[in-house]
Amino acid sequence: MDQRQRNILPFTPDLSQVAGGSYLWAVAIVDRSKQDQPGILLATKGDVTAEGWTIVSNVTIK
């Protein structure tokens, strides 16, 4: 497969147990042997938290 080819995978999280409020949505490829801390830094142009999580968006749950 060509590296530039994009595969879009649907993602529908279950937020029914999350309290309403404002959240910061961030992603990382985690290292399971290090308590799920970011294990690989993503090559993005976006903002990154001090812990290494790539910020995707602010999210409001009502």
N, C-alpha and C. Protein backbone atom coordinates (compact mmCIF):
# COMPACT_ATOMS: atom_id res chain seq x y z
N MET A 1 0.85 -1.18 0.00
CA MET A 1 0.00 0.00 0.00
C MET A 1 0.89 1.24 0.00
N ASP A 2 0.53 2.21 -0.77
CA ASP A 2 1.22 3.50 -0.82
C ASP A 2 1.06 4.21 0.53
N GLN A 3 2.15 4.70 1.09
CA GLN A 3 2.11 5.37 2.39
C GLN A 3 1.19 6.58 2.38
N ARG A 4 1.00 7.19 1.24
CA ARG A 4 0.18 8.40 1.15
C ARG A 4 -1.30 8.08 1.05
N GLN A 5 -1.63 6.81 0.83
CA GLN A 5 -3.04 6.42 0.74
C GLN A 5 -3.66 6.50 2.13
N ARG A 6 -4.84 7.06 2.21
CA ARG A 6 -5.50 7.22 3.50
C ARG A 6 -6.59 6.18 3.68
N ASN A 7 -6.57 5.57 4.82
CA ASN A 7 -7.65 4.66 5.20
C ASN A 7 -8.41 5.33 6.33
N ILE A 8 -9.68 5.55 6.13
CA ILE A 8 -10.51 6.19 7.14
C ILE A 8 -11.26 5.09 7.89
N LEU A 9 -11.04 5.04 9.20
CA LEU A 9 -11.71 4.06 10.04
C LEU A 9 -12.71 4.78 10.93
N PRO A 10 -13.95 4.33 10.96
CA PRO A 10 -14.94 4.98 11.81
C PRO A 10 -14.61 4.78 13.29
N PHE A 11 -14.87 5.81 14.08
CA PHE A 11 -14.64 5.75 15.52
C PHE A 11 -15.83 6.39 16.21
N THR A 12 -16.58 5.61 16.97
CA THR A 12 -17.75 6.11 17.68
C THR A 12 -17.59 5.75 19.16
N PRO A 13 -17.05 6.67 19.96
CA PRO A 13 -16.86 6.36 21.38
C PRO A 13 -18.18 6.35 22.14
N ASP A 14 -18.24 5.56 23.20
CA ASP A 14 -19.41 5.53 24.08
C ASP A 14 -19.15 6.53 25.20
N LEU A 15 -19.82 7.67 25.15
CA LEU A 15 -19.62 8.72 26.14
C LEU A 15 -20.75 8.77 27.17
N SER A 16 -21.56 7.73 27.23
CA SER A 16 -22.72 7.73 28.12
C SER A 16 -22.32 7.79 29.60
N GLN A 17 -21.11 7.37 29.95
CA GLN A 17 -20.66 7.37 31.34
C GLN A 17 -19.79 8.58 31.68
N VAL A 18 -19.62 9.50 30.73
CA VAL A 18 -18.78 10.68 30.94
C VAL A 18 -19.65 11.85 31.41
N ALA A 19 -19.24 12.48 32.50
CA ALA A 19 -19.99 13.63 33.02
C ALA A 19 -19.94 14.79 32.03
N GLY A 20 -21.03 15.56 31.99
CA GLY A 20 -21.07 16.74 31.13
C GLY A 20 -20.00 17.74 31.53
N GLY A 21 -19.47 18.46 30.56
CA GLY A 21 -18.46 19.46 30.82
C GLY A 21 -17.56 19.66 29.62
N SER A 22 -16.52 20.45 29.80
CA SER A 22 -15.56 20.73 28.73
C SER A 22 -14.32 19.87 28.92
N TYR A 23 -13.85 19.28 27.83
CA TYR A 23 -12.71 18.39 27.85
C TYR A 23 -11.74 18.72 26.73
N LEU A 24 -10.51 18.30 26.88
CA LEU A 24 -9.51 18.41 25.83
C LEU A 24 -9.31 17.01 25.27
N TRP A 25 -9.55 16.86 23.96
CA TRP A 25 -9.38 15.56 23.32
C TRP A 25 -7.97 15.51 22.75
N ALA A 26 -7.18 14.53 23.20
CA ALA A 26 -5.81 14.38 22.73
C ALA A 26 -5.55 12.90 22.48
N VAL A 27 -4.63 12.61 21.55
CA VAL A 27 -4.33 11.23 21.18
C VAL A 27 -2.84 10.95 21.27
N ALA A 28 -2.51 9.67 21.38
CA ALA A 28 -1.11 9.25 21.40
C ALA A 28 -1.03 7.77 21.05
N ILE A 29 0.12 7.35 20.59
CA ILE A 29 0.42 5.92 20.48
C ILE A 29 1.12 5.59 21.79
N VAL A 30 0.46 4.78 22.61
CA VAL A 30 0.95 4.58 23.97
C VAL A 30 1.83 3.34 24.11
N ASP A 31 2.65 3.37 25.15
CA ASP A 31 3.51 2.26 25.51
C ASP A 31 2.82 1.52 26.65
N ARG A 32 2.28 0.34 26.37
CA ARG A 32 1.52 -0.41 27.37
C ARG A 32 2.41 -0.82 28.55
N SER A 33 3.72 -0.92 28.35
CA SER A 33 4.62 -1.31 29.44
C SER A 33 4.96 -0.15 30.36
N LYS A 34 4.54 1.05 30.00
CA LYS A 34 4.81 2.24 30.81
C LYS A 34 3.52 2.94 31.19
N GLN A 35 2.55 2.17 31.69
CA GLN A 35 1.26 2.68 32.17
C GLN A 35 0.55 3.54 31.13
N ASP A 36 0.60 3.13 29.87
CA ASP A 36 -0.09 3.80 28.76
C ASP A 36 0.32 5.25 28.56
N GLN A 37 1.58 5.54 28.81
CA GLN A 37 2.12 6.86 28.52
C GLN A 37 2.50 6.92 27.04
N PRO A 38 2.50 8.11 26.41
CA PRO A 38 2.90 8.19 25.01
C PRO A 38 4.26 7.55 24.79
N GLY A 39 4.33 6.64 23.83
CA GLY A 39 5.57 5.92 23.56
C GLY A 39 6.23 6.34 22.26
N ILE A 40 5.45 6.93 21.36
CA ILE A 40 5.97 7.38 20.06
C ILE A 40 5.45 8.80 19.84
N LEU A 41 6.34 9.72 19.60
CA LEU A 41 5.91 11.09 19.30
C LEU A 41 5.39 11.15 17.87
N LEU A 42 4.20 11.70 17.71
CA LEU A 42 3.58 11.81 16.39
C LEU A 42 4.14 13.02 15.64
N ALA A 43 4.38 12.87 14.37
CA ALA A 43 4.89 13.97 13.54
C ALA A 43 3.71 14.80 13.06
N THR A 44 3.26 15.72 13.90
CA THR A 44 2.12 16.56 13.56
C THR A 44 2.52 18.03 13.66
N LYS A 45 1.70 18.87 13.08
CA LYS A 45 1.92 20.31 13.17
C LYS A 45 1.08 20.92 14.29
N GLY A 46 0.29 20.08 14.96
CA GLY A 46 -0.60 20.57 15.99
C GLY A 46 0.09 20.73 17.33
N ASP A 47 -0.70 21.18 18.31
CA ASP A 47 -0.19 21.36 19.67
C ASP A 47 -0.04 20.01 20.36
N VAL A 48 0.95 19.94 21.26
CA VAL A 48 1.23 18.73 22.01
C VAL A 48 1.28 19.10 23.49
N THR A 49 0.70 18.25 24.36
CA THR A 49 0.75 18.51 25.79
C THR A 49 2.16 18.25 26.31
N ALA A 50 2.43 18.70 27.52
CA ALA A 50 3.75 18.49 28.14
C ALA A 50 4.05 17.00 28.29
N GLU A 51 2.99 16.17 28.37
CA GLU A 51 3.16 14.73 28.53
C GLU A 51 3.34 14.00 27.20
N GLY A 52 3.20 14.73 26.07
CA GLY A 52 3.41 14.11 24.77
C GLY A 52 2.16 13.71 24.01
N TRP A 53 0.98 14.10 24.51
CA TRP A 53 -0.28 13.81 23.82
C TRP A 53 -0.53 14.89 22.76
N THR A 54 -0.93 14.48 21.55
CA THR A 54 -1.25 15.42 20.48
C THR A 54 -2.70 15.89 20.64
N ILE A 55 -2.88 17.19 20.74
CA ILE A 55 -4.22 17.76 20.97
C ILE A 55 -5.00 17.76 19.66
N VAL A 56 -6.20 17.21 19.73
CA VAL A 56 -7.08 17.15 18.57
C VAL A 56 -8.08 18.29 18.60
N SER A 57 -8.76 18.48 19.73
CA SER A 57 -9.82 19.47 19.79
C SER A 57 -10.32 19.64 21.22
N ASN A 58 -11.03 20.73 21.45
CA ASN A 58 -11.81 20.88 22.68
C ASN A 58 -13.15 20.22 22.43
N VAL A 59 -13.70 19.56 23.45
CA VAL A 59 -14.97 18.85 23.32
C VAL A 59 -15.88 19.26 24.47
N THR A 60 -17.14 19.51 24.16
CA THR A 60 -18.13 19.80 25.21
C THR A 60 -19.17 18.69 25.20
N ILE A 61 -19.37 18.10 26.36
CA ILE A 61 -20.39 17.06 26.52
C ILE A 61 -21.52 17.65 27.34
N LYS A 62 -22.73 17.53 26.82
CA LYS A 62 -23.90 18.08 27.50
C LYS A 62 -24.66 17.00 28.22
